[in-house]
Protein backbone atom coordinates (compact mmCIF):
# COMPACT_ATOMS: atom_id res chain seq x y z
CA MET A 1 -13.75 -22.72 -29.83
CA PRO A 2 -17.06 -23.25 -31.71
CA ILE A 3 -18.42 -20.09 -30.07
CA LEU A 4 -15.39 -18.08 -31.21
CA LEU A 5 -15.76 -19.42 -34.76
CA GLU A 6 -19.44 -18.43 -34.79
CA GLU A 7 -18.54 -14.91 -33.61
CA VAL A 8 -15.88 -14.50 -36.31
CA SER A 9 -18.22 -15.88 -38.98
CA GLU A 10 -20.96 -13.46 -37.92
CA LYS A 11 -18.59 -10.46 -38.00
CA VAL A 12 -17.31 -11.42 -41.46
CA ARG A 13 -20.84 -11.90 -42.78
CA HIS A 14 -21.84 -8.38 -41.73
CA HIS A 15 -18.58 -6.51 -42.41
CA PRO A 16 -19.32 -3.52 -44.71
CA LYS A 17 -16.45 -4.29 -47.10
CA LEU A 18 -17.31 -8.01 -47.33
CA ILE A 19 -21.11 -7.88 -47.43
CA PHE A 20 -21.10 -8.09 -51.24
CA ALA A 21 -18.61 -10.97 -51.44
CA ASP A 22 -19.77 -14.08 -53.30
CA ASP A 23 -18.55 -16.37 -50.55
CA PHE A 24 -15.91 -16.74 -47.85
CA GLU A 25 -14.00 -19.57 -46.26
CA ILE A 26 -12.62 -19.64 -42.72
CA SER A 27 -9.92 -22.11 -41.68
CA VAL A 28 -9.03 -22.59 -38.02
CA GLU A 29 -6.23 -24.55 -36.40
CA SER A 30 -5.34 -24.73 -32.73
CA HIS A 31 -2.85 -26.71 -30.71
CA HIS A 32 -1.95 -27.29 -27.10
CA SER A 33 1.16 -28.99 -25.77
CA ALA A 34 2.48 -29.56 -22.29
CA SER A 35 5.70 -31.01 -20.93
CA SER A 36 7.25 -31.62 -17.55
CA ARG A 37 10.81 -32.14 -16.34
CA HIS A 38 11.75 -34.40 -13.46
CA GLN A 39 14.97 -34.72 -11.50
CA ASN A 40 15.53 -37.55 -9.05
CA GLY A 41 11.84 -38.39 -9.23
CA GLN A 42 10.79 -34.84 -8.35
CA LEU A 43 8.91 -32.50 -10.66
CA VAL A 44 11.15 -29.48 -11.31
CA ALA A 45 9.44 -27.72 -14.22
CA GLU A 46 6.22 -27.73 -16.22
CA THR A 47 5.61 -25.84 -19.45
CA SER A 48 2.52 -25.34 -21.54
CA ASP A 49 2.01 -23.85 -25.00
CA GLU A 50 -1.17 -22.96 -26.88
CA GLY A 51 -1.54 -21.62 -30.38
CA PHE A 52 -4.41 -20.45 -32.53
CA TRP A 53 -4.37 -19.76 -36.26
CA LEU A 54 -7.21 -18.36 -38.35
CA SER A 55 -7.27 -17.80 -42.11
CA LEU A 56 -9.98 -15.97 -44.06
CA ARG A 57 -10.40 -16.37 -47.83
CA VAL A 58 -12.93 -14.10 -49.54
CA LEU A 59 -14.34 -14.67 -53.06
CA HIS A 60 -15.36 -11.75 -55.26
CA ARG A 61 -16.71 -12.59 -58.71
CA LYS A 62 -15.80 -16.24 -57.99
CA ALA A 63 -12.10 -15.38 -57.58
CA PRO A 64 -10.07 -14.70 -54.42
CA GLY A 65 -10.05 -11.03 -53.59
């Protein structure tokens, strides 16, 4: 994920509409969960879930904008 965050940061830094922003803040959250179900000692099902959340806050004239 650090590579992805660097790519997003680079794109934001050079975006034409954001190039004059005072500052920006990127928040990232990800999760991964897995579960399995057994019946009579035998594996009958496995599930997996992944999520990714990204938030971008841009400051213009020291205020969100």
